[in-house]
Amino acid sequence: MNLNARLQTEQSAPQCTPLLLIHGLFGSLDNLGVLARGLRDRRQVIQVDVRNHGLSPRSDQMSYAAMAADMFDTLDTLGIEKVSVIGHSMGGKIAMTMASLAAARVEQLVMIDIAPVDYQTRRHDAIFAALNAVTAAGVEQRAQAAELMRQYIDEEGIIQFLLKSFHAGEWRFNVPVLWDNYAAISGWNSLPASPHAALFIRGGDSSYLDNAYRDTLLAQFPHARAHVIADAGHWVHAEKPDAVLRAVRRFLALPA
């Protein structure tokens, strides 16, 4: 499947391995825009809408193998053989799967606030309820949608994040398919030990990269490094973009 993609680069950028940026659940390619803008002077940057998100095609399937295959299909269309991958949350799991399926096509990995584990918990039921309430009400304005969503979601930042994908009364992510595939999205099948250099960035206030997952993570990514950013939650790249960019540049050996 070829995905909706955006390429960014600056003329001064050296000819190095491009960077593929992959957003998380309920996101779009714009969600990692702050990282793209901060890195495009050093590498070509490719942002994508994951299947069933943004302007990419829709499908009933949301397995990580299928989503990783989409990335390679899209890179093939763009004529790009090898990338380093930066993924947030679900996007991080896609990145890890890419490295397992086609190791030679992935140089380095950066996972933002996600571990290679089956979380075995439903973290997003309130979000699904809010999204479905907006659809059922048939509202078209973001202000009306936000008012409804506040009945289900307490954090205004999450509401505004979700509304970035609300256009003309429609959600740009495929809510029914995401609901039906939620167990696969939050789940995980363990991978063989990877040879790739990998950076796991954790928001200090987030539970997604809890220390309890350390042994499981290292079994799959024995060359992993960890970087914790204090006073940040799951959307650490939005809350502390400068700190995330510094960590990424240092890991990728990019000049500041």
Protein backbone atom coordinates (compact mmCIF):
# COMPACT_ATOMS: atom_id res chain seq x y z
CA MET A 1 0.00 0.00 0.00
CA ASN A 2 1.37 3.42 -0.97
CA LEU A 3 0.84 5.95 1.80
CA ASN A 4 0.32 9.68 1.75
CA ALA A 5 3.81 11.06 2.26
CA ARG A 6 5.64 14.36 2.54
CA LEU A 7 9.33 14.85 1.79
CA GLN A 8 11.30 17.69 3.33
CA THR A 9 14.91 18.65 2.85
CA GLU A 10 17.06 21.71 2.62
CA GLN A 11 19.68 22.35 -0.05
CA SER A 12 22.38 22.43 2.60
CA ALA A 13 21.49 18.95 3.86
CA PRO A 14 24.29 16.42 3.19
CA GLN A 15 23.62 13.26 1.18
CA CYS A 16 23.07 10.88 4.08
CA THR A 17 20.57 8.17 4.93
CA PRO A 18 17.06 9.72 4.93
CA LEU A 19 14.89 9.79 8.04
CA LEU A 20 11.42 8.24 8.05
CA LEU A 21 9.06 9.69 10.69
CA ILE A 22 6.03 7.61 11.73
CA HIS A 23 3.24 8.97 13.94
CA GLY A 24 1.21 7.13 16.56
CA LEU A 25 -2.42 6.05 16.99
CA PHE A 26 -4.99 8.75 16.08
CA GLY A 27 -2.23 10.86 14.54
CA SER A 28 -1.13 12.08 11.14
CA LEU A 29 2.10 13.00 9.40
CA ASP A 30 1.84 16.52 10.85
CA ASN A 31 2.26 15.21 14.41
CA LEU A 32 6.02 14.84 14.08
CA GLY A 33 6.37 18.08 12.15
CA VAL A 34 8.43 19.70 14.88
CA LEU A 35 11.01 16.94 14.50
CA ALA A 36 10.93 17.14 10.71
CA ARG A 37 11.59 20.88 10.81
CA GLY A 38 14.41 20.38 13.28
CA LEU A 39 16.14 17.66 11.26
CA ARG A 40 15.58 18.55 7.59
CA ASP A 41 18.74 20.66 7.49
CA ARG A 42 20.77 17.49 8.17
CA ARG A 43 18.83 14.73 6.42
CA GLN A 44 16.07 14.25 3.90
CA VAL A 45 12.92 13.66 5.97
CA ILE A 46 9.91 11.57 4.96
CA GLN A 47 6.67 11.92 6.92
CA VAL A 48 3.80 9.50 6.30
CA ASP A 49 0.19 8.97 7.24
CA VAL A 50 -0.14 5.39 8.52
CA ARG A 51 -2.94 3.35 6.87
CA ASN A 52 -6.38 4.28 8.23
CA HIS A 53 -5.01 7.68 9.25
CA GLY A 54 -4.77 11.06 7.56
CA LEU A 55 -4.99 10.94 3.77
CA SER A 56 -3.62 7.41 3.37
CA PRO A 57 -5.74 4.52 2.06
CA ARG A 58 -8.01 2.55 4.35
CA SER A 59 -7.97 -1.15 5.10
CA ASP A 60 -9.60 -3.61 7.48
CA GLN A 61 -6.12 -4.82 8.53
CA MET A 62 -3.90 -3.11 11.11
CA SER A 63 -1.21 -5.71 11.82
CA TYR A 64 2.31 -4.43 12.38
CA ALA A 65 3.59 -6.60 9.54
CA ALA A 66 1.10 -4.97 7.15
CA MET A 67 1.90 -1.46 8.37
CA ALA A 68 5.64 -2.08 8.04
CA ALA A 69 5.10 -3.40 4.51
CA ASP A 70 3.26 -0.16 3.70
CA MET A 71 6.37 1.78 4.68
CA PHE A 72 8.57 -0.23 2.33
CA ASP A 73 6.02 0.07 -0.50
CA THR A 74 6.01 3.84 -0.02
CA LEU A 75 9.81 4.04 0.12
CA ASP A 76 10.01 1.96 -3.07
CA THR A 77 7.67 4.40 -4.82
CA LEU A 78 9.88 7.27 -3.67
CA GLY A 79 13.03 5.47 -4.83
CA ILE A 80 14.50 5.28 -1.32
CA GLU A 81 16.35 2.07 -0.43
CA LYS A 82 17.45 2.65 3.17
CA VAL A 83 16.28 4.83 6.05
CA SER A 84 16.72 5.50 9.71
CA VAL A 85 13.32 5.45 11.38
CA ILE A 86 11.83 7.61 14.13
CA GLY A 87 8.48 6.43 15.44
CA HIS A 88 6.20 7.60 18.23
CA SER A 89 4.07 5.06 20.11
CA MET A 90 2.37 2.86 17.48
CA GLY A 91 4.82 4.34 14.97
CA GLY A 92 7.67 3.05 17.11
CA LYS A 93 6.28 -0.46 16.92
CA ILE A 94 6.03 -0.11 13.15
CA ALA A 95 9.68 1.00 13.10
CA MET A 96 10.78 -2.02 15.13
CA THR A 97 8.84 -4.35 12.84
CA MET A 98 10.47 -2.77 9.77
CA ALA A 99 13.91 -3.52 11.21
CA SER A 100 12.92 -7.15 11.77
CA LEU A 101 11.35 -7.70 8.35
CA ALA A 102 14.09 -6.02 6.28
CA ALA A 103 17.13 -5.40 8.45
CA ALA A 104 19.31 -4.19 5.57
CA ARG A 105 16.88 -1.39 4.75
CA VAL A 106 17.00 0.15 8.23
CA GLU A 107 20.10 1.87 9.56
CA GLN A 108 19.14 3.17 13.01
CA LEU A 109 15.99 3.29 15.11
CA VAL A 110 14.51 5.89 17.43
CA MET A 111 11.42 4.87 19.40
CA ILE A 112 9.56 7.60 21.26
CA ASP A 113 7.75 6.45 24.40
CA ILE A 114 6.94 2.89 23.42
CA ALA A 115 8.26 -0.53 24.36
CA PRO A 116 8.22 -3.78 22.36
CA VAL A 117 5.59 -5.35 24.63
CA ASP A 118 1.94 -6.38 24.67
CA TYR A 119 0.41 -3.79 26.97
CA GLN A 120 -2.66 -5.95 27.67
CA THR A 121 -4.72 -2.95 28.65
CA ARG A 122 -7.22 -0.63 26.99
CA ARG A 123 -5.88 2.91 27.36
CA HIS A 124 -8.08 4.62 24.78
CA ASP A 125 -11.71 3.64 25.43
CA ALA A 126 -12.62 7.17 26.53
CA ILE A 127 -11.13 8.51 23.30
CA PHE A 128 -13.15 6.08 21.21
CA ALA A 129 -16.30 7.08 23.11
CA ALA A 130 -15.58 10.76 22.43
CA LEU A 131 -14.93 10.18 18.73
CA ASN A 132 -18.11 8.16 18.32
CA ALA A 133 -20.13 10.79 20.18
CA VAL A 134 -18.97 13.46 17.74
CA THR A 135 -19.84 11.27 14.76
CA ALA A 136 -23.26 10.39 16.16
CA ALA A 137 -24.08 14.06 16.80
CA GLY A 138 -23.26 14.99 13.21
CA VAL A 139 -21.44 18.19 14.19
CA GLU A 140 -19.15 19.84 11.67
CA GLN A 141 -17.37 22.56 13.65
CA ARG A 142 -14.34 21.83 15.82
CA ALA A 143 -15.70 23.97 18.67
CA GLN A 144 -18.88 21.88 18.79
CA ALA A 145 -16.88 18.67 18.62
CA ALA A 146 -14.61 19.83 21.46
CA GLU A 147 -17.60 20.58 23.67
CA LEU A 148 -18.91 17.05 23.21
CA MET A 149 -15.50 15.48 23.73
CA ARG A 150 -15.02 17.19 27.08
CA GLN A 151 -17.76 14.93 28.44
CA TYR A 152 -15.41 11.97 27.94
CA ILE A 153 -11.84 13.35 28.02
CA ASP A 154 -10.42 15.50 30.82
CA GLU A 155 -7.17 16.54 29.15
CA GLU A 156 -7.66 19.49 26.83
CA GLY A 157 -4.36 18.77 25.08
CA ILE A 158 -5.60 15.34 23.97
CA ILE A 159 -8.84 16.87 22.66
CA GLN A 160 -6.94 19.43 20.60
CA PHE A 161 -4.56 16.74 19.32
CA LEU A 162 -7.49 14.62 18.13
CA LEU A 163 -9.23 17.57 16.52
CA LYS A 164 -6.29 18.07 14.18
CA SER A 165 -7.75 15.09 12.30
CA PHE A 166 -11.34 16.43 12.25
CA HIS A 167 -12.26 18.02 8.94
CA ALA A 168 -15.71 19.00 7.62
CA GLY A 169 -17.45 16.82 10.17
CA GLU A 170 -15.35 13.73 9.48
CA TRP A 171 -12.50 12.00 11.29
CA ARG A 172 -9.50 11.35 9.08
CA PHE A 173 -8.77 8.13 10.92
CA ASN A 174 -10.89 5.05 10.44
CA VAL A 175 -12.49 4.81 13.87
CA PRO A 176 -14.37 1.48 13.43
CA VAL A 177 -11.29 -0.32 12.09
CA LEU A 178 -9.05 1.08 14.83
CA TRP A 179 -11.58 -0.13 17.41
CA ASP A 180 -11.80 -3.60 15.85
CA ASN A 181 -8.00 -3.90 15.68
CA TYR A 182 -7.19 -2.33 19.03
CA ALA A 183 -5.91 -5.57 20.56
CA ALA A 184 -3.39 -5.93 17.71
CA ILE A 185 -2.31 -2.29 17.98
CA SER A 186 -1.70 -2.45 21.74
CA GLY A 187 -0.33 -5.98 21.48
CA TRP A 188 3.01 -7.29 20.30
CA ASN A 189 4.73 -10.43 19.06
CA SER A 190 8.31 -10.58 20.36
CA LEU A 191 11.07 -10.20 17.78
CA PRO A 192 14.43 -11.96 17.48
CA ALA A 193 17.37 -9.99 18.85
CA SER A 194 18.07 -7.05 16.54
CA PRO A 195 21.54 -5.94 15.42
CA HIS A 196 20.39 -2.33 15.04
CA ALA A 197 21.46 0.61 17.13
CA ALA A 198 18.29 1.81 18.84
CA LEU A 199 17.36 4.75 21.02
CA PHE A 200 14.30 4.60 23.27
CA ILE A 201 13.16 8.04 24.44
CA ARG A 202 10.85 8.06 27.44
CA GLY A 203 8.69 10.80 28.85
CA GLY A 204 9.54 10.77 32.55
CA ASP A 205 5.87 10.94 33.57
CA SER A 206 4.74 8.23 31.14
CA SER A 207 4.19 4.55 31.91
CA TYR A 208 4.67 3.31 28.34
CA LEU A 209 8.41 2.71 28.84
CA ASP A 210 8.26 1.52 32.41
CA ASN A 211 11.39 -0.01 33.94
CA ALA A 212 9.47 -3.27 34.25
CA TYR A 213 9.87 -3.72 30.49
CA ARG A 214 13.66 -3.36 30.55
CA ASP A 215 14.60 -7.04 30.23
CA THR A 216 12.02 -7.70 27.53
CA LEU A 217 13.22 -4.67 25.59
CA LEU A 218 16.90 -5.62 25.81
CA ALA A 219 16.18 -9.19 24.72
CA GLN A 220 14.82 -7.81 21.44
CA PHE A 221 17.12 -4.78 21.12
CA PRO A 222 20.38 -5.66 22.90
CA HIS A 223 22.13 -2.54 21.52
CA ALA A 224 19.46 -0.18 22.81
CA ARG A 225 20.12 3.05 24.65
CA ALA A 226 17.58 4.85 26.81
CA HIS A 227 17.02 8.55 27.32
CA VAL A 228 14.50 9.89 29.83
CA ILE A 229 13.09 13.39 29.46
CA ALA A 230 11.82 14.70 32.79
CA ASP A 231 8.46 16.38 33.29
CA ALA A 232 7.01 15.02 30.07
CA GLY A 233 4.30 12.50 29.30
CA HIS A 234 3.50 10.21 26.38
CA TRP A 235 3.55 13.04 23.82
CA VAL A 236 7.05 13.98 24.89
CA HIS A 237 8.03 15.28 21.44
CA ALA A 238 5.19 17.84 21.62
CA GLU A 239 5.83 18.78 25.26
CA LYS A 240 9.65 18.94 25.11
CA PRO A 241 10.60 19.19 21.42
CA ASP A 242 14.01 20.74 21.98
CA ALA A 243 15.02 18.01 24.41
CA VAL A 244 13.84 15.29 22.03
CA LEU A 245 15.70 16.89 19.11
CA ARG A 246 18.91 17.09 21.13
CA ALA A 247 18.65 13.40 22.02
CA VAL A 248 17.94 12.40 18.41
CA ARG A 249 20.76 14.51 16.99
CA ARG A 250 23.23 13.09 19.49
CA PHE A 251 22.17 9.51 18.74
CA LEU A 252 22.33 10.01 14.98
CA ALA A 253 25.61 11.93 15.28
CA LEU A 254 24.10 15.03 13.67
CA PRO A 255 25.60 18.46 14.35
CA ALA A 256 23.49 20.62 16.67
